[in-house]
Amino acid sequence: MTDQTANDRLPDRLSTDPRSAYYDAEILSRDIGIRFKGVEKTNVEEYCVSEGWIRVAAGSAKDRHGNPLTIKLSGTVEPYFRTGG
């Protein structure tokens, strides 16, 4: 168990919205991938591994504040750091 292994752990829940309590700029600055039900997803706004869901943008629709509308999908969530090689 190295220090790098401890630093390479993703949180149980993470959001790309800076207003969220689950937003972490340091982690988001790294290249993160999300597998949902075994399929790579590139449009994930937020995820929660323990509860088994992701939020994805609903097309180009916006709410009355100009934020993207999201849809919550349930299933197996597997976040990971993409490697550069």
Protein backbone atom coordinates (compact mmCIF):
# COMPACT_ATOMS: atom_id res chain seq x y z
CA MET A 1 0.00 0.00 0.00
CA THR A 2 1.76 3.08 -1.26
CA ASP A 3 0.91 6.73 -0.79
CA GLN A 4 0.01 6.92 -4.48
CA THR A 5 -2.67 4.25 -4.01
CA ALA A 6 -4.26 6.28 -1.20
CA ASN A 7 -4.17 9.45 -3.35
CA ASP A 8 -5.72 7.65 -6.34
CA ARG A 9 -9.00 6.90 -4.58
CA LEU A 10 -12.04 8.67 -5.93
CA PRO A 11 -14.75 9.86 -3.52
CA ASP A 12 -18.03 7.97 -3.19
CA ARG A 13 -19.86 11.00 -4.60
CA LEU A 14 -18.57 13.74 -6.91
CA SER A 15 -20.18 16.62 -8.80
CA THR A 16 -18.95 18.92 -11.57
CA ASP A 17 -21.15 21.78 -10.29
CA PRO A 18 -19.07 24.28 -8.24
CA ARG A 19 -22.18 25.11 -6.13
CA SER A 20 -22.47 21.49 -4.94
CA ALA A 21 -21.14 20.26 -1.59
CA TYR A 22 -19.66 17.31 -3.53
CA TYR A 23 -17.56 19.46 -5.88
CA ASP A 24 -13.77 18.96 -5.63
CA ALA A 25 -11.69 21.02 -8.08
CA GLU A 26 -8.46 19.18 -7.26
CA ILE A 27 -9.90 15.78 -8.17
CA LEU A 28 -11.76 17.13 -11.21
CA SER A 29 -8.51 18.61 -12.56
CA ARG A 30 -7.38 15.01 -13.19
CA ASP A 31 -8.73 12.91 -16.07
CA ILE A 32 -11.65 10.93 -14.60
CA GLY A 33 -13.62 8.25 -16.41
CA ILE A 34 -17.01 6.84 -15.47
CA ARG A 35 -18.29 3.38 -16.43
CA PHE A 36 -22.05 3.06 -15.95
CA LYS A 37 -23.50 -0.43 -16.35
CA GLY A 38 -20.23 -1.36 -18.07
CA VAL A 39 -20.46 1.45 -20.67
CA GLU A 40 -18.13 4.47 -20.78
CA LYS A 41 -20.04 7.73 -20.15
CA THR A 42 -18.62 11.15 -21.03
CA ASN A 43 -21.55 13.39 -20.05
CA VAL A 44 -21.83 12.65 -16.30
CA GLU A 45 -22.60 15.72 -14.16
CA GLU A 46 -22.62 13.89 -10.81
CA TYR A 47 -22.29 10.32 -9.52
CA CYS A 48 -22.74 8.33 -6.32
CA VAL A 49 -21.19 4.86 -6.12
CA SER A 50 -22.82 3.68 -2.86
CA GLU A 51 -26.34 4.67 -3.99
CA GLY A 52 -25.72 3.46 -7.57
CA TRP A 53 -26.70 6.46 -9.71
CA ILE A 54 -25.40 9.10 -12.09
CA ARG A 55 -26.83 12.40 -13.31
CA VAL A 56 -26.45 13.21 -17.00
CA ALA A 57 -27.45 16.29 -18.97
CA ALA A 58 -30.85 16.02 -20.69
CA GLY A 59 -29.79 17.20 -24.12
CA SER A 60 -29.38 20.95 -24.41
CA ALA A 61 -32.39 21.76 -22.18
CA LYS A 62 -31.86 24.39 -19.48
CA ASP A 63 -33.79 25.26 -16.33
CA ARG A 64 -35.04 28.79 -15.63
CA HIS A 65 -31.66 29.72 -14.11
CA GLY A 66 -29.73 28.62 -17.21
CA ASN A 67 -28.39 25.40 -15.66
CA PRO A 68 -28.54 22.17 -17.65
CA LEU A 69 -31.46 19.87 -16.83
CA THR A 70 -30.25 16.48 -15.62
CA ILE A 71 -31.69 12.98 -15.53
CA LYS A 72 -30.87 10.54 -12.72
CA LEU A 73 -30.06 7.03 -13.95
CA SER A 74 -29.69 4.03 -11.62
CA GLY A 75 -27.16 1.24 -12.05
CA THR A 76 -23.59 0.16 -11.33
CA VAL A 77 -21.18 3.11 -11.22
CA GLU A 78 -17.41 2.62 -11.65
CA PRO A 79 -15.34 5.84 -11.48
CA TYR A 80 -11.63 5.65 -12.29
CA PHE A 81 -8.63 7.79 -13.15
CA ARG A 82 -7.63 7.45 -16.79
CA THR A 83 -3.96 6.76 -17.29
CA GLY A 84 -1.90 8.80 -19.71
CA GLY A 85 -0.27 5.87 -21.46
